[in-house]
Full PDB file with SEQRES, HELIX, SHEET, SSBOND, CRYST1, ORIGX, SCALE, CONECT and MASTER records, all heavy atoms in Angstrom:
SEQRES   1 A   35  ASP VAL LEU SER GLU THR ARG ARG ARG ILE GLU GLU SER          
SEQRES   2 A   35  GLY ILE ASP SER GLN ALA SER VAL ARG ALA GLN GLY ASP          
SEQRES   3 A   35  ALA ILE VAL ALA PHE SER ASP ASP MET                          
HELIX    1 AA1 VAL A    2  SER A   13  1                                  12    
HELIX    2 AA2 GLN A   18  ARG A   22  1                                   5    
CRYST1    1.000    1.000    1.000  90.00  90.00  90.00 P 1           1          
ORIGX1      1.000000  0.000000  0.000000        0.00000                         
ORIGX2      0.000000  1.000000  0.000000        0.00000                         
ORIGX3      0.000000  0.000000  1.000000        0.00000                         
SCALE1      1.000000  0.000000  0.000000        0.00000                         
SCALE2      0.000000  1.000000  0.000000        0.00000                         
SCALE3      0.000000  0.000000  1.000000        0.00000                         
ATOM      1  N   ASP A   1     -13.135 -10.816 -36.103  1.00  0.00           N  
ATOM      2  CA  ASP A   1     -13.819 -10.265 -37.272  1.00  0.00           C  
ATOM      3  C   ASP A   1     -14.524  -8.958 -36.919  1.00  0.00           C  
ATOM      4  O   ASP A   1     -14.445  -7.970 -37.673  1.00  0.00           O  
ATOM      5  CB  ASP A   1     -14.828 -11.282 -37.808  1.00  0.00           C  
ATOM      6  CG  ASP A   1     -15.541 -10.792 -39.046  1.00  0.00           C  
ATOM      7  OD1 ASP A   1     -14.993 -10.970 -40.161  1.00  0.00           O  
ATOM      8  OD2 ASP A   1     -16.649 -10.218 -38.916  1.00  0.00           O  
ATOM      9  N   VAL A   2     -15.231  -8.931 -35.783  1.00  0.00           N  
ATOM     10  CA  VAL A   2     -15.924  -7.708 -35.365  1.00  0.00           C  
ATOM     11  C   VAL A   2     -14.922  -6.580 -35.148  1.00  0.00           C  
ATOM     12  O   VAL A   2     -15.150  -5.441 -35.577  1.00  0.00           O  
ATOM     13  CB  VAL A   2     -16.748  -7.960 -34.080  1.00  0.00           C  
ATOM     14  CG1 VAL A   2     -17.252  -6.635 -33.494  1.00  0.00           C  
ATOM     15  CG2 VAL A   2     -17.932  -8.876 -34.372  1.00  0.00           C  
ATOM     16  N   LEU A   3     -13.802  -6.870 -34.508  1.00  0.00           N  
ATOM     17  CA  LEU A   3     -12.799  -5.823 -34.262  1.00  0.00           C  
ATOM     18  C   LEU A   3     -12.254  -5.268 -35.571  1.00  0.00           C  
ATOM     19  O   LEU A   3     -12.122  -4.050 -35.732  1.00  0.00           O  
ATOM     20  CB  LEU A   3     -11.662  -6.382 -33.405  1.00  0.00           C  
ATOM     21  CG  LEU A   3     -11.985  -6.629 -31.932  1.00  0.00           C  
ATOM     22  CD1 LEU A   3     -10.805  -7.294 -31.240  1.00  0.00           C  
ATOM     23  CD2 LEU A   3     -12.353  -5.330 -31.232  1.00  0.00           C  
ATOM     24  N   SER A   4     -11.937  -6.142 -36.500  1.00  0.00           N  
ATOM     25  CA  SER A   4     -11.386  -5.702 -37.782  1.00  0.00           C  
ATOM     26  C   SER A   4     -12.390  -4.851 -38.550  1.00  0.00           C  
ATOM     27  O   SER A   4     -12.055  -3.761 -39.054  1.00  0.00           O  
ATOM     28  CB  SER A   4     -10.976  -6.921 -38.609  1.00  0.00           C  
ATOM     29  OG  SER A   4     -10.515  -6.532 -39.882  1.00  0.00           O  
ATOM     30  N   GLU A   5     -13.632  -5.324 -38.647  1.00  0.00           N  
ATOM     31  CA  GLU A   5     -14.654  -4.589 -39.401  1.00  0.00           C  
ATOM     32  C   GLU A   5     -15.013  -3.276 -38.714  1.00  0.00           C  
ATOM     33  O   GLU A   5     -15.197  -2.248 -39.378  1.00  0.00           O  
ATOM     34  CB  GLU A   5     -15.910  -5.452 -39.551  1.00  0.00           C  
ATOM     35  CG  GLU A   5     -17.072  -4.778 -40.262  1.00  0.00           C  
ATOM     36  CD  GLU A   5     -16.793  -4.440 -41.719  1.00  0.00           C  
ATOM     37  OE1 GLU A   5     -15.816  -4.986 -42.283  1.00  0.00           O  
ATOM     38  OE2 GLU A   5     -17.557  -3.645 -42.305  1.00  0.00           O  
ATOM     39  N   THR A   6     -15.095  -3.276 -37.396  1.00  0.00           N  
ATOM     40  CA  THR A   6     -15.451  -2.054 -36.667  1.00  0.00           C  
ATOM     41  C   THR A   6     -14.353  -1.004 -36.801  1.00  0.00           C  
ATOM     42  O   THR A   6     -14.638   0.186 -37.016  1.00  0.00           O  
ATOM     43  CB  THR A   6     -15.709  -2.382 -35.184  1.00  0.00           C  
ATOM     44  OG1 THR A   6     -16.791  -3.327 -35.093  1.00  0.00           O  
ATOM     45  CG2 THR A   6     -16.066  -1.127 -34.404  1.00  0.00           C  
ATOM     46  N   ARG A   7     -13.106  -1.425 -36.694  1.00  0.00           N  
ATOM     47  CA  ARG A   7     -12.010  -0.466 -36.869  1.00  0.00           C  
ATOM     48  C   ARG A   7     -12.015   0.121 -38.271  1.00  0.00           C  
ATOM     49  O   ARG A   7     -11.729   1.311 -38.463  1.00  0.00           O  
ATOM     50  CB  ARG A   7     -10.676  -1.148 -36.568  1.00  0.00           C  
ATOM     51  CG  ARG A   7     -10.448  -1.376 -35.065  1.00  0.00           C  
ATOM     52  CD  ARG A   7      -9.300  -2.311 -34.789  1.00  0.00           C  
ATOM     53  NE  ARG A   7      -9.024  -2.398 -33.347  1.00  0.00           N  
ATOM     54  CZ  ARG A   7      -8.501  -3.453 -32.753  1.00  0.00           C  
ATOM     55  NH1 ARG A   7      -8.158  -4.524 -33.483  1.00  0.00           N  
ATOM     56  NH2 ARG A   7      -8.292  -3.460 -31.460  1.00  0.00           N  
ATOM     57  N   ARG A   8     -12.331  -0.708 -39.264  1.00  0.00           N  
ATOM     58  CA  ARG A   8     -12.421  -0.203 -40.642  1.00  0.00           C  
ATOM     59  C   ARG A   8     -13.513   0.853 -40.751  1.00  0.00           C  
ATOM     60  O   ARG A   8     -13.309   1.922 -41.357  1.00  0.00           O  
ATOM     61  CB  ARG A   8     -12.704  -1.358 -41.599  1.00  0.00           C  
ATOM     62  CG  ARG A   8     -12.727  -0.951 -43.073  1.00  0.00           C  
ATOM     63  CD  ARG A   8     -13.187  -2.081 -43.967  1.00  0.00           C  
ATOM     64  NE  ARG A   8     -14.614  -2.383 -43.785  1.00  0.00           N  
ATOM     65  CZ  ARG A   8     -15.602  -1.671 -44.340  1.00  0.00           C  
ATOM     66  NH1 ARG A   8     -15.318  -0.615 -45.087  1.00  0.00           N  
ATOM     67  NH2 ARG A   8     -16.857  -2.020 -44.133  1.00  0.00           N  
ATOM     68  N   ARG A   9     -14.669   0.582 -40.148  1.00  0.00           N  
ATOM     69  CA  ARG A   9     -15.782   1.534 -40.230  1.00  0.00           C  
ATOM     70  C   ARG A   9     -15.493   2.817 -39.458  1.00  0.00           C  
ATOM     71  O   ARG A   9     -15.883   3.909 -39.895  1.00  0.00           O  
ATOM     72  CB  ARG A   9     -17.068   0.876 -39.699  1.00  0.00           C  
ATOM     73  CG  ARG A   9     -17.564  -0.255 -40.571  1.00  0.00           C  
ATOM     74  CD  ARG A   9     -18.928  -0.766 -40.129  1.00  0.00           C  
ATOM     75  NE  ARG A   9     -19.381  -1.854 -41.003  1.00  0.00           N  
ATOM     76  CZ  ARG A   9     -20.658  -2.200 -41.171  1.00  0.00           C  
ATOM     77  NH1 ARG A   9     -21.614  -1.547 -40.514  1.00  0.00           N  
ATOM     78  NH2 ARG A   9     -20.980  -3.192 -41.982  1.00  0.00           N  
ATOM     79  N   ILE A  10     -14.814   2.697 -38.333  1.00  0.00           N  
ATOM     80  CA  ILE A  10     -14.437   3.897 -37.578  1.00  0.00           C  
ATOM     81  C   ILE A  10     -13.526   4.782 -38.408  1.00  0.00           C  
ATOM     82  O   ILE A  10     -13.693   6.012 -38.484  1.00  0.00           O  
ATOM     83  CB  ILE A  10     -13.758   3.495 -36.251  1.00  0.00           C  
ATOM     84  CG1 ILE A  10     -14.785   2.904 -35.277  1.00  0.00           C  
ATOM     85  CG2 ILE A  10     -13.047   4.690 -35.613  1.00  0.00           C  
ATOM     86  CD1 ILE A  10     -14.170   2.286 -34.033  1.00  0.00           C  
ATOM     87  N   GLU A  11     -12.542   4.159 -39.046  1.00  0.00           N  
ATOM     88  CA  GLU A  11     -11.593   4.933 -39.850  1.00  0.00           C  
ATOM     89  C   GLU A  11     -12.273   5.569 -41.054  1.00  0.00           C  
ATOM     90  O   GLU A  11     -12.054   6.754 -41.354  1.00  0.00           O  
ATOM     91  CB  GLU A  11     -10.457   4.019 -40.313  1.00  0.00           C  
ATOM     92  CG  GLU A  11      -9.386   4.751 -41.100  1.00  0.00           C  
ATOM     93  CD  GLU A  11      -8.221   3.866 -41.488  1.00  0.00           C  
ATOM     94  OE1 GLU A  11      -8.193   2.686 -41.062  1.00  0.00           O  
ATOM     95  OE2 GLU A  11      -7.333   4.350 -42.214  1.00  0.00           O  
ATOM     96  N   GLU A  12     -13.121   4.815 -41.750  1.00  0.00           N  
ATOM     97  CA  GLU A  12     -13.762   5.338 -42.958  1.00  0.00           C  
ATOM     98  C   GLU A  12     -14.807   6.410 -42.651  1.00  0.00           C  
ATOM     99  O   GLU A  12     -14.991   7.346 -43.420  1.00  0.00           O  
ATOM    100  CB  GLU A  12     -14.402   4.194 -43.742  1.00  0.00           C  
ATOM    101  CG  GLU A  12     -13.387   3.267 -44.398  1.00  0.00           C  
ATOM    102  CD  GLU A  12     -14.035   2.234 -45.289  1.00  0.00           C  
ATOM    103  OE1 GLU A  12     -15.295   2.203 -45.373  1.00  0.00           O  
ATOM    104  OE2 GLU A  12     -13.295   1.448 -45.913  1.00  0.00           O  
ATOM    105  N   SER A  13     -15.505   6.267 -41.516  1.00  0.00           N  
ATOM    106  CA  SER A  13     -16.559   7.231 -41.186  1.00  0.00           C  
ATOM    107  C   SER A  13     -16.012   8.491 -40.544  1.00  0.00           C  
ATOM    108  O   SER A  13     -16.661   9.544 -40.562  1.00  0.00           O  
ATOM    109  CB  SER A  13     -17.578   6.595 -40.242  1.00  0.00           C  
ATOM    110  OG  SER A  13     -16.962   6.277 -38.997  1.00  0.00           O  
ATOM    111  N   GLY A  14     -14.813   8.395 -39.964  1.00  0.00           N  
ATOM    112  CA  GLY A  14     -14.212   9.557 -39.330  1.00  0.00           C  
ATOM    113  C   GLY A  14     -14.903   9.985 -38.053  1.00  0.00           C  
ATOM    114  O   GLY A  14     -14.799  11.157 -37.655  1.00  0.00           O  
ATOM    115  N   ILE A  15     -15.596   9.079 -37.377  1.00  0.00           N  
ATOM    116  CA  ILE A  15     -16.287   9.460 -36.150  1.00  0.00           C  
ATOM    117  C   ILE A  15     -15.287   9.919 -35.103  1.00  0.00           C  
ATOM    118  O   ILE A  15     -14.194   9.375 -34.979  1.00  0.00           O  
ATOM    119  CB  ILE A  15     -17.151   8.300 -35.602  1.00  0.00           C  
ATOM    120  CG1 ILE A  15     -16.291   7.083 -35.261  1.00  0.00           C  
ATOM    121  CG2 ILE A  15     -18.255   7.935 -36.562  1.00  0.00           C  
ATOM    122  CD1 ILE A  15     -17.028   6.017 -34.484  1.00  0.00           C  
ATOM    123  N   ASP A  16     -15.671  10.966 -34.361  1.00  0.00           N  
ATOM    124  CA  ASP A  16     -14.753  11.514 -33.360  1.00  0.00           C  
ATOM    125  C   ASP A  16     -15.473  11.912 -32.074  1.00  0.00           C  
ATOM    126  O   ASP A  16     -14.915  12.628 -31.243  1.00  0.00           O  
ATOM    127  CB  ASP A  16     -14.002  12.721 -33.926  1.00  0.00           C  
ATOM    128  CG  ASP A  16     -14.943  13.819 -34.421  1.00  0.00           C  
ATOM    129  OD1 ASP A  16     -16.185  13.666 -34.276  1.00  0.00           O  
ATOM    130  OD2 ASP A  16     -14.452  14.828 -34.955  1.00  0.00           O  
ATOM    131  N   SER A  17     -16.728  11.441 -31.913  1.00  0.00           N  
ATOM    132  CA  SER A  17     -17.493  11.793 -30.720  1.00  0.00           C  
ATOM    133  C   SER A  17     -18.674  10.839 -30.574  1.00  0.00           C  
ATOM    134  O   SER A  17     -19.042  10.135 -31.526  1.00  0.00           O  
ATOM    135  CB  SER A  17     -18.013  13.227 -30.816  1.00  0.00           C  
ATOM    136  OG  SER A  17     -18.978  13.330 -31.868  1.00  0.00           O  
ATOM    137  N   GLN A  18     -19.279  10.833 -29.390  1.00  0.00           N  
ATOM    138  CA  GLN A  18     -20.510  10.064 -29.203  1.00  0.00           C  
ATOM    139  C   GLN A  18     -21.575  10.515 -30.183  1.00  0.00           C  
ATOM    140  O   GLN A  18     -22.304   9.695 -30.764  1.00  0.00           O  
ATOM    141  CB  GLN A  18     -21.045  10.262 -27.777  1.00  0.00           C  
ATOM    142  CG  GLN A  18     -20.235   9.670 -26.671  1.00  0.00           C  
ATOM    143  CD  GLN A  18     -20.939   9.897 -25.342  1.00  0.00           C  
ATOM    144  OE1 GLN A  18     -22.106   9.568 -25.176  1.00  0.00           O  
ATOM    145  NE2 GLN A  18     -20.215  10.478 -24.392  1.00  0.00           N  
ATOM    146  N   ALA A  19     -21.696  11.817 -30.351  1.00  0.00           N  
ATOM    147  CA  ALA A  19     -22.739  12.354 -31.234  1.00  0.00           C  
ATOM    148  C   ALA A  19     -22.567  11.861 -32.657  1.00  0.00           C  
ATOM    149  O   ALA A  19     -23.553  11.548 -33.346  1.00  0.00           O  
ATOM    150  CB  ALA A  19     -22.717  13.880 -31.191  1.00  0.00           C  
ATOM    151  N   SER A  20     -21.331  11.766 -33.126  1.00  0.00           N  
ATOM    152  CA  SER A  20     -21.112  11.321 -34.500  1.00  0.00           C  
ATOM    153  C   SER A  20     -21.430   9.840 -34.660  1.00  0.00           C  
ATOM    154  O   SER A  20     -21.853   9.394 -35.723  1.00  0.00           O  
ATOM    155  CB  SER A  20     -19.682  11.621 -34.952  1.00  0.00           C  
ATOM    156  OG  SER A  20     -18.731  10.956 -34.144  1.00  0.00           O  
ATOM    157  N   VAL A  21     -21.246   9.045 -33.602  1.00  0.00           N  
ATOM    158  CA  VAL A  21     -21.650   7.634 -33.637  1.00  0.00           C  
ATOM    159  C   VAL A  21     -23.155   7.537 -33.824  1.00  0.00           C  
ATOM    160  O   VAL A  21     -23.664   6.783 -34.659  1.00  0.00           O  
ATOM    161  CB  VAL A  21     -21.232   6.912 -32.344  1.00  0.00           C  
ATOM    162  CG1 VAL A  21     -21.832   5.508 -32.295  1.00  0.00           C  
ATOM    163  CG2 VAL A  21     -19.723   6.834 -32.237  1.00  0.00           C  
ATOM    164  N   ARG A  22     -23.897   8.324 -33.041  1.00  0.00           N  
ATOM    165  CA  ARG A  22     -25.367   8.250 -33.077  1.00  0.00           C  
ATOM    166  C   ARG A  22     -25.941   8.822 -34.367  1.00  0.00           C  
ATOM    167  O   ARG A  22     -27.052   8.479 -34.762  1.00  0.00           O  
ATOM    168  CB  ARG A  22     -25.942   8.991 -31.872  1.00  0.00           C  
ATOM    169  CG  ARG A  22     -25.595   8.313 -30.541  1.00  0.00           C  
ATOM    170  CD  ARG A  22     -26.301   8.975 -29.357  1.00  0.00           C  
ATOM    171  NE  ARG A  22     -26.072   8.201 -28.146  1.00  0.00           N  
ATOM    172  CZ  ARG A  22     -25.077   8.420 -27.297  1.00  0.00           C  
ATOM    173  NH1 ARG A  22     -24.217   9.404 -27.543  1.00  0.00           N  
ATOM    174  NH2 ARG A  22     -24.931   7.661 -26.224  1.00  0.00           N  
ATOM    175  N   ALA A  23     -25.185   9.668 -35.031  1.00  0.00           N  
ATOM    176  CA  ALA A  23     -25.677  10.292 -36.263  1.00  0.00           C  
ATOM    177  C   ALA A  23     -25.435   9.441 -37.504  1.00  0.00           C  
ATOM    178  O   ALA A  23     -25.890   9.791 -38.598  1.00  0.00           O  
ATOM    179  CB  ALA A  23     -25.016  11.661 -36.440  1.00  0.00           C  
ATOM    180  N   GLN A  24     -24.729   8.313 -37.351  1.00  0.00           N  
ATOM    181  CA  GLN A  24     -24.437   7.468 -38.502  1.00  0.00           C  
ATOM    182  C   GLN A  24     -25.720   6.846 -39.067  1.00  0.00           C  
ATOM    183  O   GLN A  24     -26.687   6.624 -38.349  1.00  0.00           O  
ATOM    184  CB  GLN A  24     -23.474   6.348 -38.100  1.00  0.00           C  
ATOM    185  CG  GLN A  24     -22.102   6.814 -37.681  1.00  0.00           C  
ATOM    186  CD  GLN A  24     -21.356   7.545 -38.787  1.00  0.00           C  
ATOM    187  OE1 GLN A  24     -21.202   7.032 -39.885  1.00  0.00           O  
ATOM    188  NE2 GLN A  24     -20.917   8.757 -38.491  1.00  0.00           N  
ATOM    189  N   GLY A  25     -25.689   6.531 -40.343  1.00  0.00           N  
ATOM    190  CA  GLY A  25     -26.832   5.887 -40.973  1.00  0.00           C  
ATOM    191  C   GLY A  25     -26.817   4.385 -40.843  1.00  0.00           C  
ATOM    192  O   GLY A  25     -27.732   3.698 -41.329  1.00  0.00           O  
ATOM    193  N   ASP A  26     -25.788   3.845 -40.219  1.00  0.00           N  
ATOM    194  CA  ASP A  26     -25.663   2.402 -40.054  1.00  0.00           C  
ATOM    195  C   ASP A  26     -24.852   2.130 -38.783  1.00  0.00           C  
ATOM    196  O   ASP A  26     -24.263   3.049 -38.201  1.00  0.00           O  
ATOM    197  CB  ASP A  26     -24.947   1.795 -41.277  1.00  0.00           C  
ATOM    198  CG  ASP A  26     -25.195   0.293 -41.414  1.00  0.00           C  
ATOM    199  OD1 ASP A  26     -25.875  -0.273 -40.526  1.00  0.00           O  
ATOM    200  OD2 ASP A  26     -24.704  -0.309 -42.376  1.00  0.00           O  
ATOM    201  N   ALA A  27     -24.823   0.868 -38.377  1.00  0.00           N  
ATOM    202  CA  ALA A  27     -24.046   0.496 -37.198  1.00  0.00           C  
ATOM    203  C   ALA A  27     -22.560   0.676 -37.462  1.00  0.00           C  
ATOM    204  O   ALA A  27     -22.080   0.486 -38.587  1.00  0.00           O  
ATOM    205  CB  ALA A  27     -24.339  -0.953 -36.816  1.00  0.00           C  
ATOM    206  N   ILE A  28     -21.837   1.034 -36.424  1.00  0.00           N  
ATOM    207  CA  ILE A  28     -20.378   1.094 -36.482  1.00  0.00           C  
ATOM    208  C   ILE A  28     -19.787  -0.255 -36.102  1.00  0.00           C  
ATOM    209  O   ILE A  28     -18.796  -0.707 -36.681  1.00  0.00           O  
ATOM    210  CB  ILE A  28     -19.845   2.199 -35.548  1.00  0.00           C  
ATOM    211  CG1 ILE A  28     -20.202   3.587 -36.107  1.00  0.00           C  
ATOM    212  CG2 ILE A  28     -18.334   2.087 -35.363  1.00  0.00           C  
ATOM    213  CD1 ILE A  28     -19.512   3.939 -37.410  1.00  0.00           C  
ATOM    214  N   VAL A  29     -20.387  -0.915 -35.134  1.00  0.00           N  
ATOM    215  CA  VAL A  29     -19.919  -2.224 -34.676  1.00  0.00           C  
ATOM    216  C   VAL A  29     -20.650  -3.295 -35.477  1.00  0.00           C  
ATOM    217  O   VAL A  29     -21.881  -3.380 -35.443  1.00  0.00           O  
ATOM    218  CB  VAL A  29     -20.187  -2.419 -33.168  1.00  0.00           C  
ATOM    219  CG1 VAL A  29     -19.630  -3.753 -32.691  1.00  0.00           C  
ATOM    220  CG2 VAL A  29     -19.592  -1.267 -32.368  1.00  0.00           C  
ATOM    221  N   ALA A  30     -19.897  -4.111 -36.223  1.00  0.00           N  
ATOM    222  CA  ALA A  30     -20.549  -5.052 -37.136  1.00  0.00           C  
ATOM    223  C   ALA A  30     -19.603  -6.182 -37.523  1.00  0.00           C  
ATOM    224  O   ALA A  30     -18.379  -6.078 -37.366  1.00  0.00           O  
ATOM    225  CB  ALA A  30     -21.005  -4.325 -38.399  1.00  0.00           C  
ATOM    226  N   PHE A  31     -20.196  -7.263 -38.036  1.00  0.00           N  
ATOM    227  CA  PHE A  31     -19.431  -8.321 -38.683  1.00  0.00           C  
ATOM    228  C   PHE A  31     -19.089  -7.890 -40.108  1.00  0.00           C  
ATOM    229  O   PHE A  31     -19.791  -7.060 -40.714  1.00  0.00           O  
ATOM    230  CB  PHE A  31     -20.246  -9.610 -38.753  1.00  0.00           C  
ATOM    231  CG  PHE A  31     -20.514 -10.277 -37.433  1.00  0.00           C  
ATOM    232  CD1 PHE A  31     -21.801 -10.381 -36.944  1.00  0.00           C  
ATOM    233  CD2 PHE A  31     -19.468 -10.818 -36.687  1.00  0.00           C  
ATOM    234  CE1 PHE A  31     -22.064 -11.004 -35.731  1.00  0.00           C  
ATOM    235  CE2 PHE A  31     -19.713 -11.443 -35.474  1.00  0.00           C  
ATOM    236  CZ  PHE A  31     -21.010 -11.533 -34.992  1.00  0.00           C  
ATOM    237  N   SER A  32     -18.045  -8.482 -40.663  1.00  0.00           N  
ATOM    238  CA  SER A  32     -17.742  -8.278 -42.075  1.00  0.00           C  
ATOM    239  C   SER A  32     -18.813  -8.933 -42.934  1.00  0.00           C  
ATOM    240  O   SER A  32     -19.589  -9.778 -42.454  1.00  0.00           O  
ATOM    241  CB  SER A  32     -16.374  -8.876 -42.410  1.00  0.00           C  
ATOM    242  OG  SER A  32     -16.432 -10.300 -42.282  1.00  0.00           O  
ATOM    243  N   ASP A  33     -18.875  -8.582 -44.195  1.00  0.00           N  
ATOM    244  CA  ASP A  33     -19.854  -9.199 -45.096  1.00  0.00           C  
ATOM    245  C   ASP A  33     -19.638 -10.702 -45.185  1.00  0.00           C  
ATOM    246  O   ASP A  33     -20.599 -11.478 -45.231  1.00  0.00           O  
ATOM    247  CB  ASP A  33     -19.742  -8.581 -46.502  1.00  0.00           C  
ATOM    248  CG  ASP A  33     -20.259  -7.152 -46.551  1.00  0.00           C  
ATOM    249  OD1 ASP A  33     -20.970  -6.735 -45.612  1.00  0.00           O  
ATOM    250  OD2 ASP A  33     -19.935  -6.439 -47.524  1.00  0.00           O  
ATOM    251  N   ASP A  34     -18.375 -11.126 -45.229  1.00  0.00           N  
ATOM    252  CA  ASP A  34     -18.078 -12.552 -45.325  1.00  0.00           C  
ATOM    253  C   ASP A  34     -18.562 -13.296 -44.080  1.00  0.00           C  
ATOM    254  O   ASP A  34     -19.200 -14.354 -44.180  1.00  0.00           O  
ATOM    255  CB  ASP A  34     -16.571 -12.760 -45.497  1.00  0.00           C  
ATOM    256  CG  ASP A  34     -16.203 -14.241 -45.531  1.00  0.00           C  
ATOM    257  OD1 ASP A  34     -16.638 -14.939 -46.465  1.00  0.00           O  
ATOM    258  OD2 ASP A  34     -15.486 -14.689 -44.603  1.00  0.00           O  
ATOM    259  N   MET A  35     -18.293 -12.756 -42.898  1.00  0.00           N  
ATOM    260  CA  MET A  35     -18.745 -13.403 -41.668  1.00  0.00           C  
ATOM    261  C   MET A  35     -20.272 -13.388 -41.577  1.00  0.00           C  
ATOM    262  O   MET A  35     -20.883 -14.371 -41.142  1.00  0.00           O  
ATOM    263  CB  MET A  35     -18.130 -12.717 -40.451  1.00  0.00           C  
ATOM    264  CG  MET A  35     -18.513 -13.358 -39.120  1.00  0.00           C  
ATOM    265  SD  MET A  35     -17.964 -15.081 -38.938  1.00  0.00           S  
ATOM    266  CE  MET A  35     -16.202 -14.847 -38.629  1.00  0.00           C  
TER     267      MET A  35                                                      
MASTER        0    0    0    2    0    0    0    6  266    1    0    3          
END                                                                             
C-alpha cells in the first residue's frame, strides 16, 4: 500500500530532486486513505 500510494504521489507532484521533496506541503511517503 505504501509503495502504491507513494509512487502515485511522486508522479502527481512531479518531484525531481531532494529539494523538491523537502519543499512539498505534505509527505510523499504515505499510506492510502483506505489503509
